[in-house]
Amino acid sequence: MILKITAAPEDVRSRDSEQLIWELSTELGVLYDSDGSAGFNPSDVEVPRAAFVVA
């Protein structure tokens, strides 16, 4: 079976992005007994020469 993965820039504040970030943070929080955010702030990727990519 061949799995095709597509990666593309995405608005970090879109509904899909916010959902994915929430799910990742929840999973990481369980694994590392923290809030799971690792200090991520959406504004970090809203500056020139930065990108938020979803695959």
C-alpha atoms as a PDB file:
ATOM      1  CA  MET A   1       0.000   0.000   0.000  1.00  0.00           C
ATOM      2  CA  ILE A   2       1.336   3.429  -0.960  1.00  0.00           C
ATOM      3  CA  LEU A   3       0.427   6.245   1.390  1.00  0.00           C
ATOM      4  CA  LYS A   4       0.435   9.707  -0.122  1.00  0.00           C
ATOM      5  CA  ILE A   5       1.161  12.556   2.274  1.00  0.00           C
ATOM      6  CA  THR A   6       0.655  16.150   1.258  1.00  0.00           C
ATOM      7  CA  ALA A   7       2.195  19.025   3.189  1.00  0.00           C
ATOM      8  CA  ALA A   8       1.023  22.588   2.700  1.00  0.00           C
ATOM      9  CA  PRO A   9       1.207  25.942   4.464  1.00  0.00           C
ATOM     10  CA  GLU A  10      -1.825  26.537   6.666  1.00  0.00           C
ATOM     11  CA  ASP A  11      -3.172  29.450   8.689  1.00  0.00           C
ATOM     12  CA  VAL A  12      -2.173  28.643  12.261  1.00  0.00           C
ATOM     13  CA  ARG A  13      -5.482  30.106  13.474  1.00  0.00           C
ATOM     14  CA  SER A  14      -7.750  28.094  11.171  1.00  0.00           C
ATOM     15  CA  ARG A  15     -10.259  25.736  12.782  1.00  0.00           C
ATOM     16  CA  ASP A  16      -8.362  22.671  11.517  1.00  0.00           C
ATOM     17  CA  SER A  17      -5.013  23.978  12.766  1.00  0.00           C
ATOM     18  CA  GLU A  18      -6.414  24.828  16.181  1.00  0.00           C
ATOM     19  CA  GLN A  19      -7.934  21.342  16.432  1.00  0.00           C
ATOM     20  CA  LEU A  20      -4.660  19.638  15.467  1.00  0.00           C
ATOM     21  CA  ILE A  21      -2.666  21.787  17.914  1.00  0.00           C
ATOM     22  CA  TRP A  22      -5.150  20.986  20.688  1.00  0.00           C
ATOM     23  CA  GLU A  23      -4.992  17.240  19.973  1.00  0.00           C
ATOM     24  CA  LEU A  24      -1.181  17.262  19.875  1.00  0.00           C
ATOM     25  CA  SER A  25      -0.951  19.288  23.097  1.00  0.00           C
ATOM     26  CA  THR A  26      -3.376  16.917  24.827  1.00  0.00           C
ATOM     27  CA  GLU A  27      -1.332  13.875  23.787  1.00  0.00           C
ATOM     28  CA  LEU A  28       1.977  15.465  24.782  1.00  0.00           C
ATOM     29  CA  GLY A  29       0.489  16.609  28.083  1.00  0.00           C
ATOM     30  CA  VAL A  30      -0.385  13.025  28.978  1.00  0.00           C
ATOM     31  CA  LEU A  31       3.057  11.760  27.979  1.00  0.00           C
ATOM     32  CA  TYR A  32       5.031  14.466  29.780  1.00  0.00           C
ATOM     33  CA  ASP A  33       2.681  15.458  32.604  1.00  0.00           C
ATOM     34  CA  SER A  34       2.418  19.055  31.398  1.00  0.00           C
ATOM     35  CA  ASP A  35       0.055  21.269  29.417  1.00  0.00           C
ATOM     36  CA  GLY A  36       1.623  19.787  26.279  1.00  0.00           C
ATOM     37  CA  SER A  37       2.151  23.108  24.547  1.00  0.00           C
ATOM     38  CA  ALA A  38       5.959  23.083  24.841  1.00  0.00           C
ATOM     39  CA  GLY A  39       5.696  26.866  24.908  1.00  0.00           C
ATOM     40  CA  PHE A  40       4.187  27.042  21.413  1.00  0.00           C
ATOM     41  CA  ASN A  41       2.474  30.332  20.646  1.00  0.00           C
ATOM     42  CA  PRO A  42       0.643  30.796  17.309  1.00  0.00           C
ATOM     43  CA  SER A  43       2.144  34.270  16.926  1.00  0.00           C
ATOM     44  CA  ASP A  44       5.581  32.599  16.692  1.00  0.00           C
ATOM     45  CA  VAL A  45       4.738  31.483  13.140  1.00  0.00           C
ATOM     46  CA  GLU A  46       3.051  34.713  12.060  1.00  0.00           C
ATOM     47  CA  VAL A  47       6.299  36.571  11.474  1.00  0.00           C
ATOM     48  CA  PRO A  48       8.241  37.006   8.247  1.00  0.00           C
ATOM     49  CA  ARG A  49      10.152  33.904   7.086  1.00  0.00           C
ATOM     50  CA  ALA A  50       8.122  31.560   9.319  1.00  0.00           C
ATOM     51  CA  ALA A  51       5.643  28.905   8.242  1.00  0.00           C
ATOM     52  CA  PHE A  52       3.074  26.642   9.806  1.00  0.00           C
ATOM     53  CA  VAL A  53       2.792  23.472   7.738  1.00  0.00           C
ATOM     54  CA  VAL A  54       0.224  20.718   8.058  1.00  0.00           C
ATOM     55  CA  ALA A  55       0.809  17.271   6.589  1.00  0.00           C
END
